[in-house]
Each structure stands twice: as structure tokens, then as C-alpha cells.
């Protein structure tokens, strides 16, 4: 099982769990085999990533090796942006972490 970005999905992969939109509305059920039509629908509903079954499916972005100096530079920038945020809050810490990875990947070109 792997969490995969909708942009990386392929036809034939199978959902490992039910998919809901941002409002909690049910979209597709566990064990559904994805088609191109399903993938387009997920994009249209604003779904970013889903859990799919299979041991050979890589997690989105797991193979990207970002240079340490780039990560450090982006982390410094983002920590300034988050200077007034409550860094004891788990959501805020995860948001900082994900923003660092997102920006570093986009700058690295992956």
C-alpha cells in the first residue's frame, strides 16, 4: 500500500481505501480498479492523493534525492515565514515540513 499523488496515478491500480472529497463526500470505494475516467474525476473533485494497493507502487516523491544545501536554504526561508506560528501544534509542524519539501522539490525540478 502506498499514498500516491493523483497526478502520478495509473490505470489499473486498485484503491486501498475509500476516497472522499474535501467535504467528506464519498467518491470511490476500496478495491475499485482505477481507469483514466476515475483519475480525471479525482482531479476534478480536488483530491490530491490516495492510498493504492500493491507492493511495487512507489510513494509519491519517495525517489527524489534533494541536495542538503537546498533543503537547508528552503528550511531557513520557511522558518522565517512561520516565525509567529505555534510550532508546538502538530498540524503547524507538519505544514512547515510539507512546505519545505514542496518548495525544495519545485526548485530542484522534480
PDB file of N, CA and C in Angstrom:
ATOM      1  N   UNK A   1       0.854  -1.175   0.000  1.00  0.00           N
ATOM      2  CA  UNK A   1       0.000   0.000   0.000  1.00  0.00           C
ATOM      3  C   UNK A   1       0.894   1.230   0.000  1.00  0.00           C
ATOM      4  N   UNK A   2       0.501   2.237  -0.781  1.00  0.00           N
ATOM      5  CA  UNK A   2       1.271   3.468  -0.869  1.00  0.00           C
ATOM      6  C   UNK A   2       0.340   4.651  -1.076  1.00  0.00           C
ATOM      7  N   UNK A   3       0.731   5.786  -0.525  1.00  0.00           N
ATOM      8  CA  UNK A   3       0.000   7.030  -0.768  1.00  0.00           C
ATOM      9  C   UNK A   3       0.612   7.644  -2.021  1.00  0.00           C
ATOM     10  N   UNK A   4      -0.232   7.898  -3.018  1.00  0.00           N
ATOM     11  CA  UNK A   4       0.235   8.368  -4.315  1.00  0.00           C
ATOM     12  C   UNK A   4      -0.519   9.631  -4.708  1.00  0.00           C
ATOM     13  N   UNK A   5       0.225  10.602  -5.251  1.00  0.00           N
ATOM     14  CA  UNK A   5      -0.412  11.817  -5.761  1.00  0.00           C
ATOM     15  C   UNK A   5      -1.311  11.446  -6.936  1.00  0.00           C
ATOM     16  N   UNK A   6      -2.426  12.124  -7.066  1.00  0.00           N
ATOM     17  CA  UNK A   6      -3.353  11.865  -8.167  1.00  0.00           C
ATOM     18  C   UNK A   6      -2.655  12.072  -9.503  1.00  0.00           C
ATOM     19  N   UNK A   7      -1.753  13.022  -9.576  1.00  0.00           N
ATOM     20  CA  UNK A   7      -1.026  13.273 -10.827  1.00  0.00           C
ATOM     21  C   UNK A   7      -0.118  12.110 -11.228  1.00  0.00           C
ATOM     22  N   UNK A   8       0.205  11.219 -10.277  1.00  0.00           N
ATOM     23  CA  UNK A   8       1.074  10.074 -10.554  1.00  0.00           C
ATOM     24  C   UNK A   8       0.308   8.764 -10.746  1.00  0.00           C
ATOM     25  N   UNK A   9      -1.022   8.793 -10.624  1.00  0.00           N
ATOM     26  CA  UNK A   9      -1.814   7.565 -10.718  1.00  0.00           C
ATOM     27  C   UNK A   9      -1.772   6.965 -12.118  1.00  0.00           C
ATOM     28  N   UNK A  10      -1.967   5.652 -12.170  1.00  0.00           N
ATOM     29  CA  UNK A  10      -2.013   4.940 -13.432  1.00  0.00           C
ATOM     30  C   UNK A  10      -3.252   4.051 -13.461  1.00  0.00           C
ATOM     31  N   UNK A  11      -3.802   3.900 -14.645  1.00  0.00           N
ATOM     32  CA  UNK A  11      -4.939   2.991 -14.818  1.00  0.00           C
ATOM     33  C   UNK A  11      -4.518   1.593 -14.392  1.00  0.00           C
ATOM     34  N   UNK A  12      -5.461   0.885 -13.772  1.00  0.00           N
ATOM     35  CA  UNK A  12      -5.199  -0.478 -13.348  1.00  0.00           C
ATOM     36  C   UNK A  12      -4.824  -0.596 -11.888  1.00  0.00           C
ATOM     37  N   UNK A  13      -4.391   0.500 -11.269  1.00  0.00           N
ATOM     38  CA  UNK A  13      -4.083   0.453  -9.848  1.00  0.00           C
ATOM     39  C   UNK A  13      -5.385   0.339  -9.072  1.00  0.00           C
ATOM     40  N   UNK A  14      -5.328  -0.220  -7.870  1.00  0.00           N
ATOM     41  CA  UNK A  14      -6.518  -0.511  -7.067  1.00  0.00           C
ATOM     42  C   UNK A  14      -6.487   0.311  -5.783  1.00  0.00           C
ATOM     43  N   UNK A  15      -7.626   0.919  -5.444  1.00  0.00           N
ATOM     44  CA  UNK A  15      -7.734   1.708  -4.224  1.00  0.00           C
ATOM     45  C   UNK A  15      -7.581   0.820  -2.991  1.00  0.00           C
ATOM     46  N   UNK A  16      -6.787   1.278  -2.039  1.00  0.00           N
ATOM     47  CA  UNK A  16      -6.591   0.549  -0.801  1.00  0.00           C
ATOM     48  C   UNK A  16      -7.601   0.963   0.263  1.00  0.00           C
ATOM     49  N   UNK A  17      -8.260   2.082   0.042  1.00  0.00           N
ATOM     50  CA  UNK A  17      -9.284   2.559   0.978  1.00  0.00           C
ATOM     51  C   UNK A  17     -10.261   3.462   0.234  1.00  0.00           C
ATOM     52  N   UNK A  18     -11.402   3.722   0.865  1.00  0.00           N
ATOM     53  CA  UNK A  18     -12.395   4.606   0.263  1.00  0.00           C
ATOM     54  C   UNK A  18     -11.798   5.992   0.047  1.00  0.00           C
ATOM     55  N   UNK A  19     -12.297   6.687  -0.974  1.00  0.00           N
ATOM     56  CA  UNK A  19     -11.849   8.051  -1.271  1.00  0.00           C
ATOM     57  C   UNK A  19     -13.025   8.996  -1.059  1.00  0.00           C
ATOM     58  N   UNK A  20     -12.749  10.100  -0.361  1.00  0.00           N
ATOM     59  CA  UNK A  20     -13.746  11.132  -0.093  1.00  0.00           C
ATOM     60  C   UNK A  20     -13.202  12.474  -0.565  1.00  0.00           C
ATOM     61  N   UNK A  21     -14.089  13.390  -0.910  1.00  0.00           N
ATOM     62  CA  UNK A  21     -13.635  14.721  -1.293  1.00  0.00           C
ATOM     63  C   UNK A  21     -13.318  15.524  -0.033  1.00  0.00           C
ATOM     64  N   UNK A  22     -12.966  16.788  -0.200  1.00  0.00           N
ATOM     65  CA  UNK A  22     -12.566  17.633   0.925  1.00  0.00           C
ATOM     66  C   UNK A  22     -13.685  17.847   1.931  1.00  0.00           C
ATOM     67  N   UNK A  23     -14.936  17.673   1.500  1.00  0.00           N
ATOM     68  CA  UNK A  23     -16.080  17.836   2.399  1.00  0.00           C
ATOM     69  C   UNK A  23     -16.528  16.516   3.010  1.00  0.00           C
ATOM     70  N   UNK A  24     -15.802  15.437   2.729  1.00  0.00           N
ATOM     71  CA  UNK A  24     -16.143  14.144   3.294  1.00  0.00           C
ATOM     72  C   UNK A  24     -17.109  13.326   2.462  1.00  0.00           C
ATOM     73  N   UNK A  25     -17.497  13.840   1.309  1.00  0.00           N
ATOM     74  CA  UNK A  25     -18.433  13.133   0.423  1.00  0.00           C
ATOM     75  C   UNK A  25     -17.739  11.916  -0.199  1.00  0.00           C
ATOM     76  N   UNK A  26     -18.399  10.782  -0.175  1.00  0.00           N
ATOM     77  CA  UNK A  26     -17.858   9.554  -0.743  1.00  0.00           C
ATOM     78  C   UNK A  26     -17.736   9.676  -2.263  1.00  0.00           C
ATOM     79  N   UNK A  27     -16.554   9.331  -2.797  1.00  0.00           N
ATOM     80  CA  UNK A  27     -16.331   9.392  -4.237  1.00  0.00           C
ATOM     81  C   UNK A  27     -16.135   8.014  -4.856  1.00  0.00           C
ATOM     82  N   UNK A  28     -15.250   7.203  -4.260  1.00  0.00           N
ATOM     83  CA  UNK A  28     -14.955   5.869  -4.803  1.00  0.00           C
ATOM     84  C   UNK A  28     -14.651   4.916  -3.659  1.00  0.00           C
ATOM     85  N   UNK A  29     -14.999   3.654  -3.881  1.00  0.00           N
ATOM     86  CA  UNK A  29     -14.832   2.667  -2.833  1.00  0.00           C
ATOM     87  C   UNK A  29     -13.527   1.885  -2.898  1.00  0.00           C
ATOM     88  N   UNK A  30     -13.153   1.369  -1.750  1.00  0.00           N
ATOM     89  CA  UNK A  30     -11.988   0.495  -1.633  1.00  0.00           C
ATOM     90  C   UNK A  30     -12.106  -0.637  -2.655  1.00  0.00           C
ATOM     91  N   UNK A  31     -10.995  -1.055  -3.190  1.00  0.00           N
ATOM     92  CA  UNK A  31     -10.884  -2.149  -4.169  1.00  0.00           C
ATOM     93  C   UNK A  31     -11.338  -1.763  -5.574  1.00  0.00           C
ATOM     94  N   UNK A  32     -11.646  -0.484  -5.805  1.00  0.00           N
ATOM     95  CA  UNK A  32     -12.006  -0.017  -7.145  1.00  0.00           C
ATOM     96  C   UNK A  32     -10.740  -0.007  -8.001  1.00  0.00           C
ATOM     97  N   UNK A  33     -10.807  -0.603  -9.189  1.00  0.00           N
ATOM     98  CA  UNK A  33      -9.676  -0.561 -10.119  1.00  0.00           C
ATOM     99  C   UNK A  33      -9.781   0.726 -10.930  1.00  0.00           C
ATOM    100  N   UNK A  34      -8.738   1.541 -10.852  1.00  0.00           N
ATOM    101  CA  UNK A  34      -8.771   2.865 -11.468  1.00  0.00           C
ATOM    102  C   UNK A  34      -8.685   2.818 -12.987  1.00  0.00           C
ATOM    103  N   UNK A  35      -9.463   3.698 -13.610  1.00  0.00           N
ATOM    104  CA  UNK A  35      -9.410   3.918 -15.053  1.00  0.00           C
ATOM    105  C   UNK A  35      -9.030   5.385 -15.267  1.00  0.00           C
ATOM    106  N   UNK A  36      -8.781   5.768 -16.502  1.00  0.00           N
ATOM    107  CA  UNK A  36      -8.480   7.171 -16.800  1.00  0.00           C
ATOM    108  C   UNK A  36      -9.649   8.069 -16.389  1.00  0.00           C
ATOM    109  N   UNK A  37     -10.870   7.575 -16.562  1.00  0.00           N
ATOM    110  CA  UNK A  37     -12.055   8.345 -16.176  1.00  0.00           C
ATOM    111  C   UNK A  37     -12.061   8.594 -14.665  1.00  0.00           C
ATOM    112  N   UNK A  38     -11.707   7.589 -13.871  1.00  0.00           N
ATOM    113  CA  UNK A  38     -11.633   7.757 -12.419  1.00  0.00           C
ATOM    114  C   UNK A  38     -10.591   8.813 -12.055  1.00  0.00           C
ATOM    115  N   UNK A  39      -9.431   8.740 -12.699  1.00  0.00           N
ATOM    116  CA  UNK A  39      -8.339   9.661 -12.392  1.00  0.00           C
ATOM    117  C   UNK A  39      -8.737  11.099 -12.729  1.00  0.00           C
ATOM    118  N   UNK A  40      -9.408  11.295 -13.860  1.00  0.00           N
ATOM    119  CA  UNK A  40      -9.900  12.631 -14.216  1.00  0.00           C
ATOM    120  C   UNK A  40     -10.918  13.122 -13.182  1.00  0.00           C
ATOM    121  N   UNK A  41     -11.776  12.229 -12.726  1.00  0.00           N
ATOM    122  CA  UNK A  41     -12.788  12.607 -11.722  1.00  0.00           C
ATOM    123  C   UNK A  41     -12.122  13.016 -10.404  1.00  0.00           C
ATOM    124  N   UNK A  42     -11.099  12.285 -10.001  1.00  0.00           N
ATOM    125  CA  UNK A  42     -10.392  12.630  -8.764  1.00  0.00           C
ATOM    126  C   UNK A  42      -9.773  14.022  -8.871  1.00  0.00           C
ATOM    127  N   UNK A  43      -9.179  14.322 -10.017  1.00  0.00           N
ATOM    128  CA  UNK A  43      -8.612  15.661 -10.229  1.00  0.00           C
ATOM    129  C   UNK A  43      -9.712  16.719 -10.160  1.00  0.00           C
ATOM    130  N   UNK A  44     -10.830  16.445 -10.810  1.00  0.00           N
ATOM    131  CA  UNK A  44     -11.936  17.405 -10.849  1.00  0.00           C
ATOM    132  C   UNK A  44     -12.486  17.680  -9.453  1.00  0.00           C
ATOM    133  N   UNK A  45     -12.497  16.677  -8.586  1.00  0.00           N
ATOM    134  CA  UNK A  45     -13.022  16.838  -7.233  1.00  0.00           C
ATOM    135  C   UNK A  45     -11.984  17.407  -6.272  1.00  0.00           C
ATOM    136  N   UNK A  46     -10.776  17.684  -6.763  1.00  0.00           N
ATOM    137  CA  UNK A  46      -9.755  18.312  -5.922  1.00  0.00           C
ATOM    138  C   UNK A  46      -9.022  17.376  -4.986  1.00  0.00           C
ATOM    139  N   UNK A  47      -9.065  16.077  -5.278  1.00  0.00           N
ATOM    140  CA  UNK A  47      -8.349  15.107  -4.453  1.00  0.00           C
ATOM    141  C   UNK A  47      -6.867  15.192  -4.818  1.00  0.00           C
ATOM    142  N   UNK A  48      -6.004  15.289  -3.811  1.00  0.00           N
ATOM    143  CA  UNK A  48      -4.568  15.424  -4.052  1.00  0.00           C
ATOM    144  C   UNK A  48      -3.832  14.099  -4.085  1.00  0.00           C
ATOM    145  N   UNK A  49      -4.186  13.197  -3.174  1.00  0.00           N
ATOM    146  CA  UNK A  49      -3.503  11.907  -3.110  1.00  0.00           C
ATOM    147  C   UNK A  49      -4.449  10.862  -2.528  1.00  0.00           C
ATOM    148  N   UNK A  50      -4.140   9.606  -2.847  1.00  0.00           N
ATOM    149  CA  UNK A  50      -4.963   8.494  -2.366  1.00  0.00           C
ATOM    150  C   UNK A  50      -4.070   7.316  -2.016  1.00  0.00           C
ATOM    151  N   UNK A  51      -4.622   6.373  -1.273  1.00  0.00           N
ATOM    152  CA  UNK A  51      -3.920   5.137  -0.936  1.00  0.00           C
ATOM    153  C   UNK A  51      -4.270   4.092  -1.984  1.00  0.00           C
ATOM    154  N   UNK A  52      -3.246   3.477  -2.569  1.00  0.00           N
ATOM    155  CA  UNK A  52      -3.469   2.421  -3.546  1.00  0.00           C
ATOM    156  C   UNK A  52      -2.799   1.140  -3.066  1.00  0.00           C
ATOM    157  N   UNK A  53      -3.333   0.003  -3.507  1.00  0.00           N
ATOM    158  CA  UNK A  53      -2.804  -1.299  -3.130  1.00  0.00           C
ATOM    159  C   UNK A  53      -1.637  -1.672  -4.022  1.00  0.00           C
ATOM    160  N   UNK A  54      -0.767  -2.510  -3.496  1.00  0.00           N
ATOM    161  CA  UNK A  54       0.347  -3.031  -4.284  1.00  0.00           C
ATOM    162  C   UNK A  54       1.674  -2.732  -3.638  1.00  0.00           C
ATOM    163  N   UNK A  55       2.550  -3.732  -3.640  1.00  0.00           N
ATOM    164  CA  UNK A  55       3.867  -3.574  -3.037  1.00  0.00           C
ATOM    165  C   UNK A  55       4.859  -2.882  -3.965  1.00  0.00           C
ATOM    166  N   UNK A  56       4.589  -2.888  -5.271  1.00  0.00           N
ATOM    167  CA  UNK A  56       5.538  -2.344  -6.232  1.00  0.00           C
ATOM    168  C   UNK A  56       5.236  -0.909  -6.636  1.00  0.00           C
ATOM    169  N   UNK A  57       4.306  -0.259  -5.947  1.00  0.00           N
ATOM    170  CA  UNK A  57       3.927   1.114  -6.279  1.00  0.00           C
ATOM    171  C   UNK A  57       4.727   2.054  -5.377  1.00  0.00           C
ATOM    172  N   UNK A  58       5.550   2.928  -5.967  1.00  0.00           N
ATOM    173  CA  UNK A  58       6.352   3.836  -5.138  1.00  0.00           C
ATOM    174  C   UNK A  58       5.506   4.958  -4.571  1.00  0.00           C
ATOM    175  N   UNK A  59       5.833   5.400  -3.362  1.00  0.00           N
ATOM    176  CA  UNK A  59       5.156   6.566  -2.789  1.00  0.00           C
ATOM    177  C   UNK A  59       5.561   7.785  -3.588  1.00  0.00           C
ATOM    178  N   UNK A  60       4.657   8.719  -3.735  1.00  0.00           N
ATOM    179  CA  UNK A  60       4.934   9.942  -4.490  1.00  0.00           C
ATOM    180  C   UNK A  60       6.125  10.671  -3.891  1.00  0.00           C
ATOM    181  N   UNK A  61       7.072  10.979  -4.745  1.00  0.00           N
ATOM    182  CA  UNK A  61       8.230  11.753  -4.313  1.00  0.00           C
ATOM    183  C   UNK A  61       9.246  10.997  -3.500  1.00  0.00           C
ATOM    184  N   UNK A  62       9.050   9.695  -3.277  1.00  0.00           N
ATOM    185  CA  UNK A  62       9.971   8.970  -2.411  1.00  0.00           C
ATOM    186  C   UNK A  62      11.340   8.764  -3.034  1.00  0.00           C
ATOM    187  N   UNK A  63      11.440   8.806  -4.355  1.00  0.00           N
ATOM    188  CA  UNK A  63      12.713   8.562  -5.008  1.00  0.00           C
ATOM    189  C   UNK A  63      13.508   9.840  -5.267  1.00  0.00           C
ATOM    190  N   UNK A  64      12.967  10.985  -4.915  1.00  0.00           N
ATOM    191  CA  UNK A  64      13.636  12.249  -5.174  1.00  0.00           C
ATOM    192  C   UNK A  64      14.695  12.498  -4.108  1.00  0.00           C
ATOM    193  N   UNK A  65      15.924  12.706  -4.534  1.00  0.00           N
ATOM    194  CA  UNK A  65      17.037  13.000  -3.630  1.00  0.00           C
ATOM    195  C   UNK A  65      17.366  14.482  -3.759  1.00  0.00           C
ATOM    196  N   UNK A  66      16.914  15.286  -2.799  1.00  0.00           N
ATOM    197  CA  UNK A  66      17.114  16.730  -2.833  1.00  0.00           C
ATOM    198  C   UNK A  66      18.433  17.049  -2.146  1.00  0.00           C
ATOM    199  N   UNK A  67      19.273  17.882  -2.776  1.00  0.00           N
ATOM    200  CA  UNK A  67      20.553  18.246  -2.154  1.00  0.00           C
ATOM    201  C   UNK A  67      20.353  18.890  -0.778  1.00  0.00           C
ATOM    202  N   UNK A  68      21.209  18.541   0.156  1.00  0.00           N
ATOM    203  CA  UNK A  68      21.099  19.014   1.540  1.00  0.00           C
ATOM    204  C   UNK A  68      21.187  20.536   1.638  1.00  0.00           C
ATOM    205  N   UNK A  69      22.038  21.160   0.833  1.00  0.00           N
ATOM    206  CA  UNK A  69      22.170  22.612   0.896  1.00  0.00           C
ATOM    207  C   UNK A  69      20.886  23.315   0.446  1.00  0.00           C
ATOM    208  N   UNK A  70      20.211  22.746  -0.538  1.00  0.00           N
ATOM    209  CA  UNK A  70      18.933  23.308  -0.984  1.00  0.00           C
ATOM    210  C   UNK A  70      17.879  23.167   0.108  1.00  0.00           C
ATOM    211  N   UNK A  71      17.809  21.990   0.726  1.00  0.00           N
ATOM    212  CA  UNK A  71      16.851  21.776   1.817  1.00  0.00           C
ATOM    213  C   UNK A  71      17.101  22.754   2.963  1.00  0.00           C
ATOM    214  N   UNK A  72      18.354  22.960   3.305  1.00  0.00           N
ATOM    215  CA  UNK A  72      18.701  23.866   4.398  1.00  0.00           C
ATOM    216  C   UNK A  72      18.293  25.298   4.070  1.00  0.00           C
ATOM    217  N   UNK A  73      18.549  25.732   2.839  1.00  0.00           N
ATOM    218  CA  UNK A  73      18.190  27.090   2.427  1.00  0.00           C
ATOM    219  C   UNK A  73      16.671  27.295   2.474  1.00  0.00           C
ATOM    220  N   UNK A  74      15.926  26.330   1.958  1.00  0.00           N
ATOM    221  CA  UNK A  74      14.464  26.435   1.959  1.00  0.00           C
ATOM    222  C   UNK A  74      13.934  26.391   3.395  1.00  0.00           C
ATOM    223  N   UNK A  75      14.517  25.540   4.222  1.00  0.00           N
ATOM    224  CA  UNK A  75      14.086  25.451   5.615  1.00  0.00           C
ATOM    225  C   UNK A  75      14.267  26.790   6.321  1.00  0.00           C
ATOM    226  N   UNK A  76      15.399  27.446   6.098  1.00  0.00           N
ATOM    227  CA  UNK A  76      15.656  28.752   6.703  1.00  0.00           C
ATOM    228  C   UNK A  76      14.612  29.770   6.255  1.00  0.00           C
ATOM    229  N   UNK A  77      14.310  29.791   4.958  1.00  0.00           N
ATOM    230  CA  UNK A  77      13.287  30.710   4.432  1.00  0.00           C
ATOM    231  C   UNK A  77      11.926  30.450   5.072  1.00  0.00           C
ATOM    232  N   UNK A  78      11.537  29.186   5.104  1.00  0.00           N
ATOM    233  CA  UNK A  78      10.209  28.841   5.617  1.00  0.00           C
ATOM    234  C   UNK A  78      10.095  29.074   7.121  1.00  0.00           C
ATOM    235  N   UNK A  79      11.153  28.835   7.851  1.00  0.00           N
ATOM    236  CA  UNK A  79      11.107  29.078   9.289  1.00  0.00           C
ATOM    237  C   UNK A  79      10.880  30.561   9.580  1.00  0.00           C
ATOM    238  N   UNK A  80      11.409  31.449   8.713  1.00  0.00           N
ATOM    239  CA  UNK A  80      11.137  32.888   8.868  1.00  0.00           C
ATOM    240  C   UNK A  80       9.650  33.159   8.644  1.00  0.00           C
ATOM    241  N   UNK A  81       9.060  32.503   7.658  1.00  0.00           N
ATOM    242  CA  UNK A  81       7.628  32.698   7.381  1.00  0.00           C
ATOM    243  C   UNK A  81       6.750  32.181   8.522  1.00  0.00           C
ATOM    244  N   UNK A  82       7.228  31.144   9.200  1.00  0.00           N
ATOM    245  CA  UNK A  82       6.467  30.522  10.284  1.00  0.00           C
ATOM    246  C   UNK A  82       6.888  31.060  11.660  1.00  0.00           C
ATOM    247  N   UNK A  83       7.640  32.151  11.689  1.00  0.00           N
ATOM    248  CA  UNK A  83       8.203  32.666  12.940  1.00  0.00           C
ATOM    249  C   UNK A  83       7.149  32.945  14.013  1.00  0.00           C
ATOM    250  N   UNK A  84       5.973  33.359  13.610  1.00  0.00           N
ATOM    251  CA  UNK A  84       4.932  33.704  14.588  1.00  0.00           C
ATOM    252  C   UNK A  84       3.902  32.594  14.775  1.00  0.00           C
ATOM    253  N   UNK A  85       4.147  31.459  14.169  1.00  0.00           N
ATOM    254  CA  UNK A  85       3.214  30.325  14.291  1.00  0.00           C
ATOM    255  C   UNK A  85       3.522  29.526  15.553  1.00  0.00           C
ATOM    256  N   UNK A  86       2.515  28.817  16.026  1.00  0.00           N
ATOM    257  CA  UNK A  86       2.664  27.952  17.201  1.00  0.00           C
ATOM    258  C   UNK A  86       3.313  26.640  16.764  1.00  0.00           C
ATOM    259  N   UNK A  87       4.617  26.524  16.951  1.00  0.00           N
ATOM    260  CA  UNK A  87       5.340  25.339  16.490  1.00  0.00           C
ATOM    261  C   UNK A  87       5.165  24.144  17.434  1.00  0.00           C
ATOM    262  N   UNK A  88       4.384  24.299  18.484  1.00  0.00           N
ATOM    263  CA  UNK A  88       4.042  23.162  19.345  1.00  0.00           C
ATOM    264  C   UNK A  88       2.867  22.375  18.770  1.00  0.00           C
ATOM    265  N   UNK A  89       2.127  23.015  17.866  1.00  0.00           N
ATOM    266  CA  UNK A  89       0.966  22.404  17.233  1.00  0.00           C
ATOM    267  C   UNK A  89       1.423  21.418  16.164  1.00  0.00           C
ATOM    268  N   UNK A  90       0.961  20.172  16.237  1.00  0.00           N
ATOM    269  CA  UNK A  90       1.379  19.141  15.283  1.00  0.00           C
ATOM    270  C   UNK A  90       1.023  19.499  13.847  1.00  0.00           C
ATOM    271  N   UNK A  91      -0.151  20.095  13.633  1.00  0.00           N
ATOM    272  CA  UNK A  91      -0.552  20.478  12.279  1.00  0.00           C
ATOM    273  C   UNK A  91       0.414  21.518  11.707  1.00  0.00           C
ATOM    274  N   UNK A  92       0.770  22.502  12.506  1.00  0.00           N
ATOM    275  CA  UNK A  92       1.675  23.555  12.056  1.00  0.00           C
ATOM    276  C   UNK A  92       3.051  22.984  11.738  1.00  0.00           C
ATOM    277  N   UNK A  93       3.535  22.076  12.582  1.00  0.00           N
ATOM    278  CA  UNK A  93       4.836  21.442  12.315  1.00  0.00           C
ATOM    279  C   UNK A  93       4.812  20.668  11.002  1.00  0.00           C
ATOM    280  N   UNK A  94       3.718  19.936  10.765  1.00  0.00           N
ATOM    281  CA  UNK A  94       3.603  19.170   9.521  1.00  0.00           C
ATOM    282  C   UNK A  94       3.465  20.096   8.319  1.00  0.00           C
ATOM    283  N   UNK A  95       2.740  21.189   8.478  1.00  0.00           N
ATOM    284  CA  UNK A  95       2.603  22.166   7.400  1.00  0.00           C
ATOM    285  C   UNK A  95       3.966  22.762   7.038  1.00  0.00           C
ATOM    286  N   UNK A  96       4.756  23.094   8.026  1.00  0.00           N
ATOM    287  CA  UNK A  96       6.110  23.595   7.779  1.00  0.00           C
ATOM    288  C   UNK A  96       6.934  22.551   7.038  1.00  0.00           C
ATOM    289  N   UNK A  97       6.907  21.340   7.524  1.00  0.00           N
ATOM    290  CA  UNK A  97       7.669  20.251   6.900  1.00  0.00           C
ATOM    291  C   UNK A  97       7.264  20.041   5.435  1.00  0.00           C
ATOM    292  N   UNK A  98       5.967  19.967   5.183  1.00  0.00           N
ATOM    293  CA  UNK A  98       5.484  19.740   3.823  1.00  0.00           C
ATOM    294  C   UNK A  98       5.799  20.925   2.910  1.00  0.00           C
ATOM    295  N   UNK A  99       5.731  22.144   3.434  1.00  0.00           N
ATOM    296  CA  UNK A  99       6.048  23.314   2.610  1.00  0.00           C
ATOM    297  C   UNK A  99       7.521  23.328   2.235  1.00  0.00           C
ATOM    298  N   UNK A 100       8.381  22.913   3.150  1.00  0.00           N
ATOM    299  CA  UNK A 100       9.821  22.829   2.852  1.00  0.00           C
ATOM    300  C   UNK A 100      10.053  21.832   1.728  1.00  0.00           C
ATOM    301  N   UNK A 101       9.455  20.648   1.844  1.00  0.00           N
ATOM    302  CA  UNK A 101       9.633  19.621   0.807  1.00  0.00           C
ATOM    303  C   UNK A 101       9.074  20.082  -0.532  1.00  0.00           C
ATOM    304  N   UNK A 102       7.889  20.688  -0.515  1.00  0.00           N
ATOM    305  CA  UNK A 102       7.252  21.132  -1.757  1.00  0.00           C
ATOM    306  C   UNK A 102       8.115  22.161  -2.484  1.00  0.00           C
ATOM    307  N   UNK A 103       8.575  23.168  -1.762  1.00  0.00           N
ATOM    308  CA  UNK A 103       9.371  24.227  -2.370  1.00  0.00           C
ATOM    309  C   UNK A 103      10.720  23.682  -2.846  1.00  0.00           C
ATOM    310  N   UNK A 104      11.354  22.855  -2.044  1.00  0.00           N
ATOM    311  CA  UNK A 104      12.657  22.290  -2.429  1.00  0.00           C
ATOM    312  C   UNK A 104      12.510  21.423  -3.677  1.00  0.00           C
ATOM    313  N   UNK A 105      11.466  20.596  -3.745  1.00  0.00           N
ATOM    314  CA  UNK A 105      11.252  19.765  -4.942  1.00  0.00           C
ATOM    315  C   UNK A 105      11.006  20.627  -6.163  1.00  0.00           C
ATOM    316  N   UNK A 106      10.215  21.682  -6.012  1.00  0.00           N
ATOM    317  CA  UNK A 106       9.918  22.528  -7.170  1.00  0.00           C
ATOM    318  C   UNK A 106      11.168  23.257  -7.655  1.00  0.00           C
ATOM    319  N   UNK A 107      12.025  23.653  -6.744  1.00  0.00           N
ATOM    320  CA  UNK A 107      13.273  24.334  -7.135  1.00  0.00           C
ATOM    321  C   UNK A 107      14.284  23.349  -7.723  1.00  0.00           C
ATOM    322  N   UNK A 108      14.247  22.118  -7.255  1.00  0.00           N
ATOM    323  CA  UNK A 108      15.172  21.096  -7.755  1.00  0.00           C
ATOM    324  C   UNK A 108      14.719  20.560  -9.096  1.00  0.00           C
ATOM    325  N   UNK A 109      13.451  20.817  -9.443  1.00  0.00           N
ATOM    326  CA  UNK A 109      12.937  20.407 -10.749  1.00  0.00           C
ATOM    327  C   UNK A 109      12.413  18.997 -10.809  1.00  0.00           C
ATOM    328  N   UNK A 110      11.981  18.457  -9.672  1.00  0.00           N
ATOM    329  CA  UNK A 110      11.447  17.090  -9.653  1.00  0.00           C
ATOM    330  C   UNK A 110      10.000  17.111  -9.255  1.00  0.00           C
TER     331      UNK A 110
END
